Amino acid sequence: MKYWKTILALIFMALAIYFDWQWFWAIFILLGLLYMLKSKSIHFVEEVSRGDSPKLYWFMIIIWSLLALYSILSYLKILT
C-alpha cells in the first residue's frame, strides 16, 4: 500500500472529529511542526521554503508552534 500513512491519518482525523479527541489535534500539529523543521519547507497554500523566504518560513513556524502550544494547553485545561 503506497499511501498508508496518509490513509491512516485520514482515518484518525475522522475518529478524532467523531469522538472529540482534542489530544489528537495537539499531536497532529506537533508532528507537522517537526516535519516542517526537518524538511525546511512548509506546504500550506503553496510551498514556502526556508531558503527562498526565510522570514515567512520562520513566521509560519512560530504560528504553528503557537497553535501546537494552544492545543496542548487547551487539552490539559490550563487555559480555562
PDB file of N, CA and C in Angstrom:
ATOM      1  N   MET A   1       0.843  -1.168   0.000  1.00  0.00           N
ATOM      2  CA  MET A   1       0.000   0.000   0.000  1.00  0.00           C
ATOM      3  C   MET A   1       0.894   1.240   0.000  1.00  0.00           C
ATOM      4  N   LYS A   2       0.730   2.081  -1.005  1.00  0.00           N
ATOM      5  CA  LYS A   2       1.649   3.185  -1.223  1.00  0.00           C
ATOM      6  C   LYS A   2       1.457   4.341  -0.235  1.00  0.00           C
ATOM      7  N   TYR A   3       0.249   4.760   0.017  1.00  0.00           N
ATOM      8  CA  TYR A   3      -0.003   5.926   0.860  1.00  0.00           C
ATOM      9  C   TYR A   3      -0.645   5.533   2.191  1.00  0.00           C
ATOM     10  N   TRP A   4      -0.087   4.545   2.857  1.00  0.00           N
ATOM     11  CA  TRP A   4      -0.689   4.028   4.082  1.00  0.00           C
ATOM     12  C   TRP A   4      -0.689   5.066   5.210  1.00  0.00           C
ATOM     13  N   LYS A   5       0.341   5.913   5.271  1.00  0.00           N
ATOM     14  CA  LYS A   5       0.386   6.934   6.328  1.00  0.00           C
ATOM     15  C   LYS A   5      -0.709   7.980   6.125  1.00  0.00           C
ATOM     16  N   THR A   6      -0.942   8.363   4.887  1.00  0.00           N
ATOM     17  CA  THR A   6      -1.990   9.338   4.592  1.00  0.00           C
ATOM     18  C   THR A   6      -3.366   8.764   4.901  1.00  0.00           C
ATOM     19  N   ILE A   7      -3.596   7.520   4.495  1.00  0.00           N
ATOM     20  CA  ILE A   7      -4.882   6.869   4.762  1.00  0.00           C
ATOM     21  C   ILE A   7      -5.109   6.715   6.259  1.00  0.00           C
ATOM     22  N   LEU A   8      -4.073   6.322   6.988  1.00  0.00           N
ATOM     23  CA  LEU A   8      -4.172   6.177   8.437  1.00  0.00           C
ATOM     24  C   LEU A   8      -4.457   7.524   9.111  1.00  0.00           C
ATOM     25  N   ALA A   9      -3.797   8.583   8.641  1.00  0.00           N
ATOM     26  CA  ALA A   9      -4.038   9.916   9.206  1.00  0.00           C
ATOM     27  C   ALA A   9      -5.481  10.362   8.954  1.00  0.00           C
ATOM     28  N   LEU A  10      -6.004  10.090   7.768  1.00  0.00           N
ATOM     29  CA  LEU A  10      -7.394  10.450   7.470  1.00  0.00           C
ATOM     30  C   LEU A  10      -8.379   9.689   8.350  1.00  0.00           C
ATOM     31  N   ILE A  11      -8.097   8.426   8.591  1.00  0.00           N
ATOM     32  CA  ILE A  11      -8.961   7.620   9.471  1.00  0.00           C
ATOM     33  C   ILE A  11      -8.925   8.180  10.893  1.00  0.00           C
ATOM     34  N   PHE A  12      -7.723   8.477  11.379  1.00  0.00           N
ATOM     35  CA  PHE A  12      -7.606   9.041  12.726  1.00  0.00           C
ATOM     36  C   PHE A  12      -8.243  10.423  12.827  1.00  0.00           C
ATOM     37  N   MET A  13      -8.161  11.220  11.749  1.00  0.00           N
ATOM     38  CA  MET A  13      -8.822  12.527  11.759  1.00  0.00           C
ATOM     39  C   MET A  13     -10.336  12.360  11.879  1.00  0.00           C
ATOM     40  N   ALA A  14     -10.888  11.415  11.146  1.00  0.00           N
ATOM     41  CA  ALA A  14     -12.335  11.170  11.226  1.00  0.00           C
ATOM     42  C   ALA A  14     -12.720  10.699  12.629  1.00  0.00           C
ATOM     43  N   LEU A  15     -11.912   9.807  13.200  1.00  0.00           N
ATOM     44  CA  LEU A  15     -12.182   9.332  14.566  1.00  0.00           C
ATOM     45  C   LEU A  15     -12.064  10.472  15.582  1.00  0.00           C
ATOM     46  N   ALA A  16     -11.072  11.341  15.385  1.00  0.00           N
ATOM     47  CA  ALA A  16     -10.879  12.470  16.307  1.00  0.00           C
ATOM     48  C   ALA A  16     -12.068  13.418  16.266  1.00  0.00           C
ATOM     49  N   ILE A  17     -12.605  13.642  15.086  1.00  0.00           N
ATOM     50  CA  ILE A  17     -13.779  14.509  14.976  1.00  0.00           C
ATOM     51  C   ILE A  17     -14.989  13.831  15.609  1.00  0.00           C
ATOM     52  N   TYR A  18     -15.197  12.559  15.309  1.00  0.00           N
ATOM     53  CA  TYR A  18     -16.358  11.837  15.820  1.00  0.00           C
ATOM     54  C   TYR A  18     -16.338  11.712  17.341  1.00  0.00           C
ATOM     55  N   PHE A  19     -15.179  11.344  17.895  1.00  0.00           N
ATOM     56  CA  PHE A  19     -15.065  11.118  19.338  1.00  0.00           C
ATOM     57  C   PHE A  19     -14.604  12.353  20.121  1.00  0.00           C
ATOM     58  N   ASP A  20     -14.396  13.477  19.409  1.00  0.00           N
ATOM     59  CA  ASP A  20     -13.971  14.728  20.020  1.00  0.00           C
ATOM     60  C   ASP A  20     -12.661  14.567  20.794  1.00  0.00           C
ATOM     61  N   TRP A  21     -11.663  13.996  20.121  1.00  0.00           N
ATOM     62  CA  TRP A  21     -10.345  13.796  20.717  1.00  0.00           C
ATOM     63  C   TRP A  21      -9.513  15.059  20.542  1.00  0.00           C
ATOM     64  N   GLN A  22      -9.497  15.905  21.539  1.00  0.00           N
ATOM     65  CA  GLN A  22      -8.720  17.140  21.466  1.00  0.00           C
ATOM     66  C   GLN A  22      -7.218  16.854  21.488  1.00  0.00           C
ATOM     67  N   TRP A  23      -6.795  15.809  22.163  1.00  0.00           N
ATOM     68  CA  TRP A  23      -5.379  15.468  22.239  1.00  0.00           C
ATOM     69  C   TRP A  23      -4.811  15.130  20.872  1.00  0.00           C
ATOM     70  N   PHE A  24      -5.643  14.584  19.999  1.00  0.00           N
ATOM     71  CA  PHE A  24      -5.176  14.206  18.662  1.00  0.00           C
ATOM     72  C   PHE A  24      -4.681  15.425  17.889  1.00  0.00           C
ATOM     73  N   TRP A  25      -5.429  16.538  17.985  1.00  0.00           N
ATOM     74  CA  TRP A  25      -5.048  17.727  17.222  1.00  0.00           C
ATOM     75  C   TRP A  25      -3.743  18.308  17.739  1.00  0.00           C
ATOM     76  N   ALA A  26      -3.504  18.229  19.024  1.00  0.00           N
ATOM     77  CA  ALA A  26      -2.228  18.696  19.584  1.00  0.00           C
ATOM     78  C   ALA A  26      -1.075  17.869  19.020  1.00  0.00           C
ATOM     79  N   ILE A  27      -1.232  16.570  18.988  1.00  0.00           N
ATOM     80  CA  ILE A  27      -0.184  15.692  18.451  1.00  0.00           C
ATOM     81  C   ILE A  27      -0.027  15.891  16.951  1.00  0.00           C
ATOM     82  N   PHE A  28      -1.143  16.025  16.246  1.00  0.00           N
ATOM     83  CA  PHE A  28      -1.125  16.191  14.792  1.00  0.00           C
ATOM     84  C   PHE A  28      -0.383  17.473  14.402  1.00  0.00           C
ATOM     85  N   ILE A  29      -0.661  18.567  15.095  1.00  0.00           N
ATOM     86  CA  ILE A  29       0.018  19.836  14.811  1.00  0.00           C
ATOM     87  C   ILE A  29       1.488  19.745  15.176  1.00  0.00           C
ATOM     88  N   LEU A  30       1.797  19.121  16.292  1.00  0.00           N
ATOM     89  CA  LEU A  30       3.189  18.979  16.729  1.00  0.00           C
ATOM     90  C   LEU A  30       3.999  18.136  15.748  1.00  0.00           C
ATOM     91  N   LEU A  31       3.435  17.045  15.260  1.00  0.00           N
ATOM     92  CA  LEU A  31       4.135  16.218  14.269  1.00  0.00           C
ATOM     93  C   LEU A  31       4.355  16.985  12.971  1.00  0.00           C
ATOM     94  N   GLY A  32       3.352  17.765  12.562  1.00  0.00           N
ATOM     95  CA  GLY A  32       3.510  18.599  11.369  1.00  0.00           C
ATOM     96  C   GLY A  32       4.608  19.625  11.544  1.00  0.00           C
ATOM     97  N   LEU A  33       4.680  20.214  12.725  1.00  0.00           N
ATOM     98  CA  LEU A  33       5.721  21.193  13.019  1.00  0.00           C
ATOM     99  C   LEU A  33       7.105  20.555  12.956  1.00  0.00           C
ATOM    100  N   LEU A  34       7.255  19.382  13.535  1.00  0.00           N
ATOM    101  CA  LEU A  34       8.549  18.690  13.491  1.00  0.00           C
ATOM    102  C   LEU A  34       8.956  18.355  12.060  1.00  0.00           C
ATOM    103  N   TYR A  35       7.977  17.943  11.241  1.00  0.00           N
ATOM    104  CA  TYR A  35       8.274  17.647   9.841  1.00  0.00           C
ATOM    105  C   TYR A  35       8.706  18.911   9.091  1.00  0.00           C
ATOM    106  N   MET A  36       8.046  20.037   9.370  1.00  0.00           N
ATOM    107  CA  MET A  36       8.407  21.304   8.717  1.00  0.00           C
ATOM    108  C   MET A  36       9.837  21.709   9.060  1.00  0.00           C
ATOM    109  N   LEU A  37      10.211  21.549  10.318  1.00  0.00           N
ATOM    110  CA  LEU A  37      11.569  21.888  10.729  1.00  0.00           C
ATOM    111  C   LEU A  37      12.593  20.965  10.082  1.00  0.00           C
ATOM    112  N   LYS A  38      12.253  19.693   9.961  1.00  0.00           N
ATOM    113  CA  LYS A  38      13.173  18.716   9.366  1.00  0.00           C
ATOM    114  C   LYS A  38      13.339  18.944   7.865  1.00  0.00           C
ATOM    115  N   SER A  39      12.225  19.205   7.173  1.00  0.00           N
ATOM    116  CA  SER A  39      12.279  19.330   5.712  1.00  0.00           C
ATOM    117  C   SER A  39      12.661  20.734   5.243  1.00  0.00           C
ATOM    118  N   LYS A  40      12.627  21.709   6.138  1.00  0.00           N
ATOM    119  CA  LYS A  40      12.957  23.099   5.837  1.00  0.00           C
ATOM    120  C   LYS A  40      12.019  23.712   4.797  1.00  0.00           C
ATOM    121  N   SER A  41      10.820  23.165   4.692  1.00  0.00           N
ATOM    122  CA  SER A  41       9.803  23.751   3.822  1.00  0.00           C
ATOM    123  C   SER A  41       8.425  23.472   4.409  1.00  0.00           C
ATOM    124  N   ILE A  42       7.491  24.345   4.044  1.00  0.00           N
ATOM    125  CA  ILE A  42       6.126  24.231   4.533  1.00  0.00           C
ATOM    126  C   ILE A  42       5.204  24.174   3.332  1.00  0.00           C
ATOM    127  N   HIS A  43       4.327  23.202   3.312  1.00  0.00           N
ATOM    128  CA  HIS A  43       3.316  23.091   2.261  1.00  0.00           C
ATOM    129  C   HIS A  43       1.988  23.486   2.875  1.00  0.00           C
ATOM    130  N   PHE A  44       1.615  24.730   2.691  1.00  0.00           N
ATOM    131  CA  PHE A  44       0.354  25.218   3.247  1.00  0.00           C
ATOM    132  C   PHE A  44      -0.563  25.518   2.073  1.00  0.00           C
ATOM    133  N   VAL A  45      -0.707  26.722   1.667  1.00  0.00           N
ATOM    134  CA  VAL A  45      -1.446  27.047   0.449  1.00  0.00           C
ATOM    135  C   VAL A  45      -0.517  26.856  -0.748  1.00  0.00           C
ATOM    136  N   GLU A  46       0.725  27.198  -0.544  1.00  0.00           N
ATOM    137  CA  GLU A  46       1.771  26.948  -1.525  1.00  0.00           C
ATOM    138  C   GLU A  46       3.043  26.625  -0.750  1.00  0.00           C
ATOM    139  N   GLU A  47       4.046  26.145  -1.431  1.00  0.00           N
ATOM    140  CA  GLU A  47       5.280  25.768  -0.741  1.00  0.00           C
ATOM    141  C   GLU A  47       6.070  27.017  -0.348  1.00  0.00           C
ATOM    142  N   VAL A  48       6.485  27.023   0.900  1.00  0.00           N
ATOM    143  CA  VAL A  48       7.351  28.088   1.418  1.00  0.00           C
ATOM    144  C   VAL A  48       8.588  27.399   1.971  1.00  0.00           C
ATOM    145  N   SER A  49       9.739  27.708   1.395  1.00  0.00           N
ATOM    146  CA  SER A  49      10.963  27.067   1.867  1.00  0.00           C
ATOM    147  C   SER A  49      11.812  28.066   2.643  1.00  0.00           C
ATOM    148  N   ARG A  50      12.619  27.519   3.516  1.00  0.00           N
ATOM    149  CA  ARG A  50      13.479  28.360   4.344  1.00  0.00           C
ATOM    150  C   ARG A  50      14.508  29.092   3.496  1.00  0.00           C
ATOM    151  N   GLY A  51      14.952  28.467   2.423  1.00  0.00           N
ATOM    152  CA  GLY A  51      15.959  29.091   1.561  1.00  0.00           C
ATOM    153  C   GLY A  51      15.396  30.230   0.724  1.00  0.00           C
ATOM    154  N   ASP A  52      14.179  30.080   0.232  1.00  0.00           N
ATOM    155  CA  ASP A  52      13.577  31.098  -0.644  1.00  0.00           C
ATOM    156  C   ASP A  52      12.985  32.276   0.124  1.00  0.00           C
ATOM    157  N   SER A  53      12.351  32.002   1.240  1.00  0.00           N
ATOM    158  CA  SER A  53      11.676  33.057   2.004  1.00  0.00           C
ATOM    159  C   SER A  53      11.826  32.784   3.503  1.00  0.00           C
ATOM    160  N   PRO A  54      13.017  33.066   4.045  1.00  0.00           N
ATOM    161  CA  PRO A  54      13.265  32.712   5.452  1.00  0.00           C
ATOM    162  C   PRO A  54      12.355  33.433   6.451  1.00  0.00           C
ATOM    163  N   LYS A  55      12.021  34.693   6.199  1.00  0.00           N
ATOM    164  CA  LYS A  55      11.168  35.418   7.145  1.00  0.00           C
ATOM    165  C   LYS A  55       9.768  34.813   7.204  1.00  0.00           C
ATOM    166  N   LEU A  56       9.191  34.531   6.050  1.00  0.00           N
ATOM    167  CA  LEU A  56       7.866  33.927   6.012  1.00  0.00           C
ATOM    168  C   LEU A  56       7.898  32.518   6.597  1.00  0.00           C
ATOM    169  N   TYR A  57       8.959  31.765   6.301  1.00  0.00           N
ATOM    170  CA  TYR A  57       9.114  30.408   6.840  1.00  0.00           C
ATOM    171  C   TYR A  57       9.109  30.442   8.370  1.00  0.00           C
ATOM    172  N   TRP A  58       9.942  31.297   8.956  1.00  0.00           N
ATOM    173  CA  TRP A  58      10.025  31.347  10.423  1.00  0.00           C
ATOM    174  C   TRP A  58       8.765  31.927  11.050  1.00  0.00           C
ATOM    175  N   PHE A  59       8.098  32.852  10.355  1.00  0.00           N
ATOM    176  CA  PHE A  59       6.831  33.368  10.849  1.00  0.00           C
ATOM    177  C   PHE A  59       5.803  32.246  10.907  1.00  0.00           C
ATOM    178  N   MET A  60       5.767  31.418   9.885  1.00  0.00           N
ATOM    179  CA  MET A  60       4.823  30.292   9.865  1.00  0.00           C
ATOM    180  C   MET A  60       5.186  29.245  10.912  1.00  0.00           C
ATOM    181  N   ILE A  61       6.467  29.021  11.138  1.00  0.00           N
ATOM    182  CA  ILE A  61       6.903  28.097  12.196  1.00  0.00           C
ATOM    183  C   ILE A  61       6.422  28.608  13.554  1.00  0.00           C
ATOM    184  N   ILE A  62       6.540  29.910  13.785  1.00  0.00           N
ATOM    185  CA  ILE A  62       6.070  30.486  15.045  1.00  0.00           C
ATOM    186  C   ILE A  62       4.564  30.314  15.192  1.00  0.00           C
ATOM    187  N   ILE A  63       3.817  30.569  14.114  1.00  0.00           N
ATOM    188  CA  ILE A  63       2.359  30.402  14.153  1.00  0.00           C
ATOM    189  C   ILE A  63       1.996  28.955  14.473  1.00  0.00           C
ATOM    190  N   TRP A  64       2.621  27.997  13.803  1.00  0.00           N
ATOM    191  CA  TRP A  64       2.335  26.580  14.054  1.00  0.00           C
ATOM    192  C   TRP A  64       2.744  26.188  15.470  1.00  0.00           C
ATOM    193  N   SER A  65       3.837  26.765  15.970  1.00  0.00           N
ATOM    194  CA  SER A  65       4.255  26.480  17.347  1.00  0.00           C
ATOM    195  C   SER A  65       3.223  26.990  18.347  1.00  0.00           C
ATOM    196  N   LEU A  66       2.700  28.175  18.097  1.00  0.00           N
ATOM    197  CA  LEU A  66       1.665  28.719  18.976  1.00  0.00           C
ATOM    198  C   LEU A  66       0.382  27.889  18.911  1.00  0.00           C
ATOM    199  N   LEU A  67       0.025  27.420  17.726  1.00  0.00           N
ATOM    200  CA  LEU A  67      -1.142  26.543  17.593  1.00  0.00           C
ATOM    201  C   LEU A  67      -0.947  25.240  18.360  1.00  0.00           C
ATOM    202  N   ALA A  68       0.250  24.657  18.263  1.00  0.00           N
ATOM    203  CA  ALA A  68       0.537  23.422  18.996  1.00  0.00           C
ATOM    204  C   ALA A  68       0.479  23.668  20.501  1.00  0.00           C
ATOM    205  N   LEU A  69       1.085  24.755  20.953  1.00  0.00           N
ATOM    206  CA  LEU A  69       1.068  25.081  22.375  1.00  0.00           C
ATOM    207  C   LEU A  69      -0.353  25.326  22.866  1.00  0.00           C
ATOM    208  N   TYR A  70      -1.131  26.071  22.092  1.00  0.00           N
ATOM    209  CA  TYR A  70      -2.523  26.322  22.460  1.00  0.00           C
ATOM    210  C   TYR A  70      -3.313  25.014  22.547  1.00  0.00           C
ATOM    211  N   SER A  71      -3.112  24.120  21.589  1.00  0.00           N
ATOM    212  CA  SER A  71      -3.820  22.836  21.603  1.00  0.00           C
ATOM    213  C   SER A  71      -3.463  22.011  22.822  1.00  0.00           C
ATOM    214  N   ILE A  72      -2.189  21.979  23.158  1.00  0.00           N
ATOM    215  CA  ILE A  72      -1.739  21.201  24.313  1.00  0.00           C
ATOM    216  C   ILE A  72      -2.289  21.798  25.606  1.00  0.00           C
ATOM    217  N   LEU A  73      -2.168  23.113  25.760  1.00  0.00           N
ATOM    218  CA  LEU A  73      -2.664  23.758  26.982  1.00  0.00           C
ATOM    219  C   LEU A  73      -4.177  23.673  27.095  1.00  0.00           C
ATOM    220  N   SER A  74      -4.850  23.754  25.976  1.00  0.00           N
ATOM    221  CA  SER A  74      -6.304  23.624  25.983  1.00  0.00           C
ATOM    222  C   SER A  74      -6.719  22.215  26.384  1.00  0.00           C
ATOM    223  N   TYR A  75      -6.020  21.200  25.865  1.00  0.00           N
ATOM    224  CA  TYR A  75      -6.328  19.817  26.227  1.00  0.00           C
ATOM    225  C   TYR A  75      -6.079  19.570  27.705  1.00  0.00           C
ATOM    226  N   LEU A  76      -5.008  20.136  28.240  1.00  0.00           N
ATOM    227  CA  LEU A  76      -4.673  19.950  29.647  1.00  0.00           C
ATOM    228  C   LEU A  76      -5.517  20.837  30.560  1.00  0.00           C
ATOM    229  N   LYS A  77      -6.387  21.632  29.963  1.00  0.00           N
ATOM    230  CA  LYS A  77      -7.311  22.526  30.682  1.00  0.00           C
ATOM    231  C   LYS A  77      -6.563  23.557  31.527  1.00  0.00           C
ATOM    232  N   ILE A  78      -5.422  23.988  31.037  1.00  0.00           N
ATOM    233  CA  ILE A  78      -4.641  25.019  31.709  1.00  0.00           C
ATOM    234  C   ILE A  78      -5.164  26.405  31.335  1.00  0.00           C
ATOM    235  N   LEU A  79      -5.744  26.534  30.152  1.00  0.00           N
ATOM    236  CA  LEU A  79      -6.236  27.824  29.688  1.00  0.00           C
ATOM    237  C   LEU A  79      -7.581  28.204  30.281  1.00  0.00           C
ATOM    238  N   THR A  80      -8.337  27.224  30.738  1.00  0.00           N
ATOM    239  CA  THR A  80      -9.687  27.537  31.256  1.00  0.00           C
ATOM    240  C   THR A  80      -9.756  27.419  32.753  1.00  0.00           C
TER     241      THR A  80
END
